[in-house]
Amino acid sequence: MKDNAPYHLERTVGNPMHIAYLFGVTDKAPLGAGLDKVFSKKGGAREVPVELVLLPLNDPLYTAWIPMGNIEKIWGFWETWYRRGPPGIDFYTLGSLKNMADLAAFWFIDPNDQRFFALLEENFHGFDDYDLIPVLIHQRQHLATALMTL
C-alpha cells in the first residue's frame, strides 16, 4: 500500500477454519471471505476516542446472536432472513476457547508459524468437529516464550 493512498483493503473471514487466508498463508479465498476498506487520514479517517470497559462474561453483548445490517430483499420487494451486516459478538463460539488464557493463546498467531497452521488444518474440521488441544498446547508455548522475552 502506498502511504498516501486514501484506503487499503484488509482480508476478513467469518469462519476460524479460514485463518490461513486471513493471515495471507494462502491466497485461495474461502466462501464467505471479504475485504474491509480501511481508510487513511488522507481518505478522511479520524481517531475515535474510546474508553475500554470490562464487561461480565455473561453480558448479552457476548452471549447473544444479534443480527445487524439492513435486511436483504429479493428484487427489492420481498424481505429475506439475510442481513447485510455481521452477527453480534458471540463470545462462546468455540467451547475450547471459553478460558480467557486459552482465547489469548489461540489468537496469538504468528503468520510465519507453519506449525500452527498445520495443527489447525489437522484438528479443526468444522464448528462441531474440532480438537483444539494440540493447537492450544502449541500456542500456549508460543505465547509463554514471547512473554518471557519481554
N, C-alpha and C. Protein backbone atom coordinates (compact mmCIF):
# COMPACT_ATOMS: atom_id res chain seq x y z
N MET A 1 0.84 -1.18 0.00
CA MET A 1 0.00 0.00 0.00
C MET A 1 0.88 1.24 0.00
N LYS A 2 0.49 2.22 -0.76
CA LYS A 2 1.18 3.49 -0.76
C LYS A 2 0.76 4.27 0.48
N ASP A 3 1.72 4.99 1.07
CA ASP A 3 1.42 5.74 2.29
C ASP A 3 0.40 6.85 2.06
N ASN A 4 0.29 7.34 0.83
CA ASN A 4 -0.63 8.43 0.57
C ASN A 4 -1.96 7.96 0.00
N ALA A 5 -2.19 6.64 -0.03
CA ALA A 5 -3.46 6.11 -0.55
C ALA A 5 -4.58 6.45 0.43
N PRO A 6 -5.80 6.73 -0.09
CA PRO A 6 -6.90 7.07 0.80
C PRO A 6 -7.41 5.89 1.63
N TYR A 7 -7.15 4.67 1.17
CA TYR A 7 -7.56 3.49 1.92
C TYR A 7 -6.79 2.27 1.43
N HIS A 8 -6.85 1.20 2.22
CA HIS A 8 -6.33 -0.09 1.78
C HIS A 8 -7.34 -1.16 2.19
N LEU A 9 -7.22 -2.33 1.59
CA LEU A 9 -8.16 -3.42 1.86
C LEU A 9 -7.49 -4.47 2.74
N GLU A 10 -8.23 -4.94 3.74
CA GLU A 10 -7.76 -6.00 4.64
C GLU A 10 -8.69 -7.20 4.51
N ARG A 11 -8.12 -8.38 4.50
CA ARG A 11 -8.91 -9.60 4.39
C ARG A 11 -9.75 -9.83 5.64
N THR A 12 -10.93 -10.41 5.45
CA THR A 12 -11.80 -10.78 6.56
C THR A 12 -12.35 -12.18 6.31
N VAL A 13 -12.60 -12.90 7.39
CA VAL A 13 -13.23 -14.22 7.31
C VAL A 13 -14.19 -14.32 8.49
N GLY A 14 -15.22 -15.11 8.33
CA GLY A 14 -16.16 -15.32 9.41
C GLY A 14 -16.00 -16.67 10.06
N ASN A 15 -15.19 -17.52 9.48
CA ASN A 15 -15.03 -18.89 9.96
C ASN A 15 -13.59 -19.09 10.41
N PRO A 16 -13.36 -19.48 11.68
CA PRO A 16 -12.00 -19.68 12.17
C PRO A 16 -11.20 -20.71 11.38
N MET A 17 -11.88 -21.56 10.62
CA MET A 17 -11.17 -22.54 9.80
C MET A 17 -10.35 -21.85 8.70
N HIS A 18 -10.65 -20.60 8.43
CA HIS A 18 -10.01 -19.90 7.33
C HIS A 18 -8.95 -18.90 7.79
N ILE A 19 -8.35 -19.15 8.93
CA ILE A 19 -7.33 -18.26 9.46
C ILE A 19 -6.15 -18.16 8.50
N ALA A 20 -5.82 -19.25 7.81
CA ALA A 20 -4.68 -19.23 6.89
C ALA A 20 -4.88 -18.16 5.81
N TYR A 21 -6.08 -18.02 5.31
CA TYR A 21 -6.37 -16.97 4.31
C TYR A 21 -6.27 -15.60 4.95
N LEU A 22 -6.81 -15.46 6.16
CA LEU A 22 -6.80 -14.17 6.85
C LEU A 22 -5.37 -13.64 7.02
N PHE A 23 -4.43 -14.54 7.33
CA PHE A 23 -3.05 -14.14 7.58
C PHE A 23 -2.18 -14.21 6.33
N GLY A 24 -2.77 -14.48 5.17
CA GLY A 24 -2.01 -14.48 3.93
C GLY A 24 -1.17 -15.71 3.69
N VAL A 25 -1.41 -16.78 4.45
CA VAL A 25 -0.68 -18.03 4.25
C VAL A 25 -1.11 -18.66 2.92
N THR A 26 -2.36 -18.45 2.54
CA THR A 26 -2.87 -18.90 1.25
C THR A 26 -3.62 -17.75 0.59
N ASP A 27 -3.61 -17.74 -0.73
CA ASP A 27 -4.36 -16.72 -1.45
C ASP A 27 -5.71 -17.23 -1.92
N LYS A 28 -6.02 -18.49 -1.64
CA LYS A 28 -7.30 -19.07 -2.05
C LYS A 28 -8.39 -18.56 -1.10
N ALA A 29 -9.23 -17.66 -1.60
CA ALA A 29 -10.28 -17.05 -0.78
C ALA A 29 -11.39 -18.07 -0.50
N PRO A 30 -11.69 -18.31 0.78
CA PRO A 30 -12.78 -19.24 1.10
C PRO A 30 -14.15 -18.59 0.88
N LEU A 31 -15.16 -19.41 0.82
CA LEU A 31 -16.52 -18.92 0.72
C LEU A 31 -16.82 -18.07 1.97
N GLY A 32 -17.35 -16.93 1.79
CA GLY A 32 -17.68 -16.06 2.91
C GLY A 32 -16.58 -15.07 3.27
N ALA A 33 -15.45 -15.14 2.57
CA ALA A 33 -14.37 -14.19 2.84
C ALA A 33 -14.74 -12.85 2.23
N GLY A 34 -14.16 -11.81 2.75
CA GLY A 34 -14.43 -10.49 2.23
C GLY A 34 -13.24 -9.58 2.42
N LEU A 35 -13.44 -8.32 2.14
CA LEU A 35 -12.40 -7.31 2.32
C LEU A 35 -13.00 -6.12 3.07
N ASP A 36 -12.28 -5.66 4.08
CA ASP A 36 -12.67 -4.44 4.78
C ASP A 36 -11.88 -3.29 4.17
N LYS A 37 -12.55 -2.19 3.95
CA LYS A 37 -11.89 -0.99 3.44
C LYS A 37 -11.44 -0.18 4.66
N VAL A 38 -10.12 -0.01 4.81
CA VAL A 38 -9.55 0.71 5.94
C VAL A 38 -9.03 2.05 5.44
N PHE A 39 -9.63 3.12 5.91
CA PHE A 39 -9.30 4.46 5.42
C PHE A 39 -8.09 5.03 6.15
N SER A 40 -7.30 5.81 5.42
CA SER A 40 -6.17 6.52 6.00
C SER A 40 -6.61 7.95 6.32
N LYS A 41 -5.73 8.73 6.91
CA LYS A 41 -6.07 10.13 7.19
C LYS A 41 -6.36 10.88 5.90
N LYS A 42 -5.64 10.54 4.82
CA LYS A 42 -5.91 11.19 3.54
C LYS A 42 -7.28 10.81 3.00
N GLY A 43 -7.79 9.67 3.42
CA GLY A 43 -9.11 9.22 2.97
C GLY A 43 -10.23 9.67 3.89
N GLY A 44 -9.91 10.48 4.89
CA GLY A 44 -10.94 11.01 5.78
C GLY A 44 -11.04 10.30 7.12
N ALA A 45 -10.13 9.36 7.39
CA ALA A 45 -10.18 8.66 8.68
C ALA A 45 -9.82 9.63 9.80
N ARG A 46 -10.44 9.40 10.93
CA ARG A 46 -10.09 10.18 12.11
C ARG A 46 -10.12 9.27 13.32
N GLU A 47 -9.32 9.59 14.30
CA GLU A 47 -9.26 8.78 15.51
C GLU A 47 -10.54 8.96 16.31
N VAL A 48 -11.05 7.85 16.79
CA VAL A 48 -12.27 7.88 17.59
C VAL A 48 -11.87 7.65 19.05
N PRO A 49 -12.22 8.57 19.93
CA PRO A 49 -11.88 8.37 21.34
C PRO A 49 -12.68 7.19 21.91
N VAL A 50 -12.01 6.34 22.65
CA VAL A 50 -12.68 5.17 23.24
C VAL A 50 -12.33 5.07 24.72
N GLU A 51 -13.22 4.40 25.44
CA GLU A 51 -12.97 4.08 26.84
C GLU A 51 -13.29 2.61 26.99
N LEU A 52 -12.27 1.80 27.27
CA LEU A 52 -12.46 0.36 27.40
C LEU A 52 -13.05 0.02 28.76
N VAL A 53 -14.04 -0.84 28.75
CA VAL A 53 -14.71 -1.27 29.97
C VAL A 53 -14.80 -2.79 29.93
N LEU A 54 -14.42 -3.45 31.02
CA LEU A 54 -14.52 -4.91 31.09
C LEU A 54 -15.95 -5.27 31.48
N LEU A 55 -16.62 -5.99 30.61
CA LEU A 55 -17.99 -6.42 30.87
C LEU A 55 -17.98 -7.81 31.51
N PRO A 56 -19.02 -8.16 32.26
CA PRO A 56 -19.10 -9.52 32.79
C PRO A 56 -19.19 -10.52 31.64
N LEU A 57 -18.63 -11.71 31.84
CA LEU A 57 -18.60 -12.70 30.78
C LEU A 57 -19.99 -13.15 30.33
N ASN A 58 -21.00 -12.97 31.18
CA ASN A 58 -22.35 -13.36 30.78
C ASN A 58 -23.15 -12.17 30.23
N ASP A 59 -22.48 -11.08 29.92
CA ASP A 59 -23.16 -9.91 29.35
C ASP A 59 -23.81 -10.29 28.02
N PRO A 60 -25.02 -9.83 27.75
CA PRO A 60 -25.70 -10.16 26.49
C PRO A 60 -24.90 -9.78 25.24
N LEU A 61 -24.04 -8.76 25.34
CA LEU A 61 -23.23 -8.39 24.19
C LEU A 61 -22.35 -9.57 23.75
N TYR A 62 -21.89 -10.37 24.70
CA TYR A 62 -21.06 -11.53 24.37
C TYR A 62 -21.89 -12.74 23.97
N THR A 63 -22.96 -12.97 24.69
CA THR A 63 -23.67 -14.25 24.56
C THR A 63 -24.79 -14.24 23.54
N ALA A 64 -25.28 -13.08 23.14
CA ALA A 64 -26.41 -13.02 22.21
C ALA A 64 -25.94 -13.10 20.77
N TRP A 65 -26.80 -13.62 19.93
CA TRP A 65 -26.57 -13.56 18.49
C TRP A 65 -27.42 -12.43 17.99
N ILE A 66 -26.79 -11.33 17.66
CA ILE A 66 -27.51 -10.12 17.30
C ILE A 66 -27.30 -9.83 15.81
N PRO A 67 -28.28 -10.12 14.96
CA PRO A 67 -28.08 -9.82 13.55
C PRO A 67 -28.07 -8.31 13.32
N MET A 68 -27.14 -7.85 12.53
CA MET A 68 -27.02 -6.41 12.26
C MET A 68 -27.09 -6.16 10.76
N GLY A 69 -27.31 -4.93 10.40
CA GLY A 69 -27.32 -4.54 9.00
C GLY A 69 -28.73 -4.54 8.42
N ASN A 70 -28.83 -4.03 7.23
CA ASN A 70 -30.12 -3.96 6.55
C ASN A 70 -30.59 -5.35 6.14
N ILE A 71 -31.90 -5.55 6.18
CA ILE A 71 -32.48 -6.82 5.73
C ILE A 71 -32.44 -6.84 4.21
N GLU A 72 -31.91 -7.92 3.66
CA GLU A 72 -31.86 -8.07 2.21
C GLU A 72 -33.25 -8.37 1.66
N LYS A 73 -33.49 -7.92 0.45
CA LYS A 73 -34.78 -8.15 -0.21
C LYS A 73 -34.54 -8.81 -1.56
N ILE A 74 -35.47 -9.66 -1.96
CA ILE A 74 -35.43 -10.27 -3.28
C ILE A 74 -36.08 -9.30 -4.25
N TRP A 75 -35.35 -8.93 -5.30
CA TRP A 75 -35.80 -7.98 -6.31
C TRP A 75 -36.30 -6.67 -5.68
N GLY A 76 -35.81 -6.37 -4.50
CA GLY A 76 -36.17 -5.12 -3.85
C GLY A 76 -37.53 -5.09 -3.18
N PHE A 77 -38.26 -6.22 -3.18
CA PHE A 77 -39.61 -6.24 -2.63
C PHE A 77 -39.78 -7.16 -1.43
N TRP A 78 -39.36 -8.43 -1.56
CA TRP A 78 -39.63 -9.42 -0.53
C TRP A 78 -38.47 -9.55 0.44
N GLU A 79 -38.76 -9.33 1.72
CA GLU A 79 -37.73 -9.42 2.73
C GLU A 79 -37.29 -10.87 2.92
N THR A 80 -36.00 -11.04 3.21
CA THR A 80 -35.43 -12.36 3.49
C THR A 80 -34.96 -12.37 4.93
N TRP A 81 -34.44 -13.48 5.38
CA TRP A 81 -33.86 -13.58 6.73
C TRP A 81 -32.44 -13.06 6.75
N TYR A 82 -31.84 -12.87 5.57
CA TYR A 82 -30.43 -12.50 5.47
C TYR A 82 -30.23 -11.01 5.71
N ARG A 83 -29.18 -10.68 6.47
CA ARG A 83 -28.84 -9.28 6.72
C ARG A 83 -27.47 -9.00 6.12
N ARG A 84 -27.26 -7.80 5.75
CA ARG A 84 -26.02 -7.40 5.08
C ARG A 84 -24.84 -7.34 6.05
N GLY A 85 -25.08 -7.05 7.31
CA GLY A 85 -24.00 -6.89 8.27
C GLY A 85 -23.65 -8.18 8.98
N PRO A 86 -22.60 -8.14 9.80
CA PRO A 86 -22.18 -9.34 10.53
C PRO A 86 -23.08 -9.60 11.74
N PRO A 87 -23.00 -10.79 12.32
CA PRO A 87 -23.72 -11.03 13.57
C PRO A 87 -23.04 -10.28 14.70
N GLY A 88 -23.68 -10.24 15.85
CA GLY A 88 -23.08 -9.61 17.01
C GLY A 88 -21.93 -10.46 17.55
N ILE A 89 -21.36 -10.06 18.64
CA ILE A 89 -20.25 -10.79 19.23
C ILE A 89 -20.79 -12.06 19.85
N ASP A 90 -20.30 -13.18 19.42
CA ASP A 90 -20.69 -14.46 20.01
C ASP A 90 -19.46 -14.98 20.75
N PHE A 91 -19.30 -14.54 21.98
CA PHE A 91 -18.09 -14.80 22.76
C PHE A 91 -17.82 -16.28 22.93
N TYR A 92 -18.83 -17.09 23.02
CA TYR A 92 -18.65 -18.51 23.29
C TYR A 92 -18.80 -19.36 22.03
N THR A 93 -18.24 -18.90 20.92
CA THR A 93 -18.35 -19.64 19.66
C THR A 93 -17.79 -21.04 19.78
N LEU A 94 -16.58 -21.17 20.29
CA LEU A 94 -15.93 -22.47 20.43
C LEU A 94 -15.75 -22.79 21.91
N GLY A 95 -16.26 -23.92 22.32
CA GLY A 95 -16.18 -24.31 23.73
C GLY A 95 -14.75 -24.41 24.23
N SER A 96 -13.82 -24.82 23.38
CA SER A 96 -12.42 -24.96 23.79
C SER A 96 -11.75 -23.64 24.10
N LEU A 97 -12.37 -22.54 23.74
CA LEU A 97 -11.75 -21.23 23.95
C LEU A 97 -12.46 -20.39 24.99
N LYS A 98 -13.29 -21.00 25.83
CA LYS A 98 -14.00 -20.23 26.86
C LYS A 98 -13.05 -19.65 27.90
N ASN A 99 -11.98 -20.38 28.19
CA ASN A 99 -10.98 -19.89 29.13
C ASN A 99 -10.25 -18.71 28.50
N MET A 100 -10.20 -17.59 29.21
CA MET A 100 -9.61 -16.37 28.65
C MET A 100 -8.14 -16.56 28.29
N ALA A 101 -7.39 -17.32 29.08
CA ALA A 101 -5.97 -17.56 28.77
C ALA A 101 -5.84 -18.36 27.47
N ASP A 102 -6.72 -19.35 27.28
CA ASP A 102 -6.68 -20.12 26.05
C ASP A 102 -7.10 -19.27 24.85
N LEU A 103 -8.07 -18.39 25.06
CA LEU A 103 -8.50 -17.49 24.00
C LEU A 103 -7.34 -16.60 23.56
N ALA A 104 -6.62 -16.05 24.53
CA ALA A 104 -5.47 -15.19 24.22
C ALA A 104 -4.38 -15.98 23.52
N ALA A 105 -4.10 -17.19 24.02
CA ALA A 105 -3.05 -18.01 23.41
C ALA A 105 -3.42 -18.39 21.99
N PHE A 106 -4.66 -18.81 21.76
CA PHE A 106 -5.08 -19.22 20.43
C PHE A 106 -4.88 -18.10 19.42
N TRP A 107 -5.26 -16.88 19.78
CA TRP A 107 -5.21 -15.77 18.83
C TRP A 107 -3.85 -15.08 18.80
N PHE A 108 -2.86 -15.56 19.54
CA PHE A 108 -1.50 -15.02 19.46
C PHE A 108 -0.82 -15.72 18.28
N ILE A 109 -1.21 -15.31 17.10
CA ILE A 109 -0.81 -16.01 15.87
C ILE A 109 0.37 -15.32 15.21
N ASP A 110 1.37 -16.11 14.89
CA ASP A 110 2.49 -15.64 14.09
C ASP A 110 2.22 -16.11 12.66
N PRO A 111 2.03 -15.19 11.71
CA PRO A 111 1.72 -15.60 10.34
C PRO A 111 2.79 -16.48 9.70
N ASN A 112 3.99 -16.48 10.27
CA ASN A 112 5.08 -17.30 9.72
C ASN A 112 5.20 -18.65 10.42
N ASP A 113 4.35 -18.92 11.38
CA ASP A 113 4.40 -20.17 12.14
C ASP A 113 3.65 -21.27 11.38
N GLN A 114 4.37 -21.98 10.53
CA GLN A 114 3.75 -23.02 9.71
C GLN A 114 3.19 -24.15 10.56
N ARG A 115 3.79 -24.42 11.71
CA ARG A 115 3.31 -25.49 12.60
C ARG A 115 1.90 -25.18 13.09
N PHE A 116 1.63 -23.92 13.45
CA PHE A 116 0.29 -23.52 13.90
C PHE A 116 -0.75 -23.83 12.83
N PHE A 117 -0.48 -23.40 11.61
CA PHE A 117 -1.45 -23.60 10.53
C PHE A 117 -1.62 -25.08 10.20
N ALA A 118 -0.54 -25.85 10.30
CA ALA A 118 -0.65 -27.30 10.05
C ALA A 118 -1.50 -27.96 11.14
N LEU A 119 -1.26 -27.59 12.40
CA LEU A 119 -2.06 -28.15 13.50
C LEU A 119 -3.53 -27.76 13.37
N LEU A 120 -3.78 -26.53 12.99
CA LEU A 120 -5.16 -26.08 12.82
C LEU A 120 -5.85 -26.87 11.72
N GLU A 121 -5.15 -27.06 10.61
CA GLU A 121 -5.74 -27.81 9.50
C GLU A 121 -6.00 -29.27 9.87
N GLU A 122 -5.09 -29.86 10.65
CA GLU A 122 -5.24 -31.26 11.06
C GLU A 122 -6.38 -31.46 12.07
N ASN A 123 -6.64 -30.45 12.89
CA ASN A 123 -7.53 -30.64 14.04
C ASN A 123 -8.81 -29.83 14.03
N PHE A 124 -9.00 -28.97 13.05
CA PHE A 124 -10.21 -28.15 13.01
C PHE A 124 -10.90 -28.40 11.68
N HIS A 125 -12.00 -29.14 11.72
CA HIS A 125 -12.71 -29.52 10.50
C HIS A 125 -14.06 -28.82 10.38
N GLY A 126 -14.55 -28.24 11.45
CA GLY A 126 -15.84 -27.55 11.43
C GLY A 126 -16.21 -27.13 12.84
N PHE A 127 -17.27 -26.34 12.95
CA PHE A 127 -17.69 -25.84 14.26
C PHE A 127 -18.12 -26.96 15.20
N ASP A 128 -18.49 -28.11 14.66
CA ASP A 128 -18.89 -29.23 15.50
C ASP A 128 -17.93 -30.41 15.37
N ASP A 129 -16.79 -30.20 14.76
CA ASP A 129 -15.81 -31.26 14.56
C ASP A 129 -14.40 -30.68 14.68
N TYR A 130 -13.94 -30.54 15.92
CA TYR A 130 -12.61 -29.99 16.14
C TYR A 130 -12.03 -30.51 17.45
N ASP A 131 -10.69 -30.50 17.52
CA ASP A 131 -9.96 -30.81 18.73
C ASP A 131 -8.83 -29.79 18.81
N LEU A 132 -9.03 -28.74 19.59
CA LEU A 132 -8.06 -27.67 19.65
C LEU A 132 -6.95 -27.89 20.67
N ILE A 133 -6.98 -29.00 21.39
CA ILE A 133 -5.95 -29.25 22.41
C ILE A 133 -4.54 -29.20 21.81
N PRO A 134 -4.25 -29.91 20.69
CA PRO A 134 -2.89 -29.81 20.13
C PRO A 134 -2.53 -28.38 19.70
N VAL A 135 -3.50 -27.66 19.17
CA VAL A 135 -3.26 -26.27 18.76
C VAL A 135 -2.98 -25.42 20.00
N LEU A 136 -3.78 -25.60 21.04
CA LEU A 136 -3.60 -24.80 22.26
C LEU A 136 -2.28 -25.10 22.95
N ILE A 137 -1.87 -26.35 22.97
CA ILE A 137 -0.56 -26.68 23.57
C ILE A 137 0.54 -25.92 22.85
N HIS A 138 0.49 -25.95 21.52
CA HIS A 138 1.48 -25.23 20.72
C HIS A 138 1.41 -23.72 20.98
N GLN A 139 0.22 -23.16 20.97
CA GLN A 139 0.05 -21.72 21.12
C GLN A 139 0.39 -21.25 22.54
N ARG A 140 0.08 -22.06 23.55
CA ARG A 140 0.45 -21.68 24.92
C ARG A 140 1.96 -21.55 25.04
N GLN A 141 2.69 -22.50 24.45
CA GLN A 141 4.16 -22.45 24.49
C GLN A 141 4.67 -21.23 23.73
N HIS A 142 4.06 -20.96 22.60
CA HIS A 142 4.45 -19.80 21.78
C HIS A 142 4.23 -18.49 22.55
N LEU A 143 3.08 -18.35 23.19
CA LEU A 143 2.78 -17.15 23.96
C LEU A 143 3.69 -17.03 25.19
N ALA A 144 3.88 -18.13 25.89
CA ALA A 144 4.75 -18.10 27.08
C ALA A 144 6.17 -17.68 26.71
N THR A 145 6.67 -18.21 25.63
CA THR A 145 8.03 -17.84 25.18
C THR A 145 8.11 -16.35 24.86
N ALA A 146 7.10 -15.85 24.18
CA ALA A 146 7.07 -14.42 23.84
C ALA A 146 6.99 -13.55 25.08
N LEU A 147 6.21 -13.96 26.07
CA LEU A 147 6.05 -13.18 27.30
C LEU A 147 7.34 -13.20 28.14
N MET A 148 8.06 -14.31 28.09
CA MET A 148 9.29 -14.39 28.88
C MET A 148 10.40 -13.54 28.29
N THR A 149 10.30 -13.19 27.03
CA THR A 149 11.35 -12.39 26.39
C THR A 149 11.08 -10.88 26.50
N LEU A 150 9.97 -10.50 27.12
CA LEU A 150 9.66 -9.08 27.27
C LEU A 150 10.56 -8.40 28.27
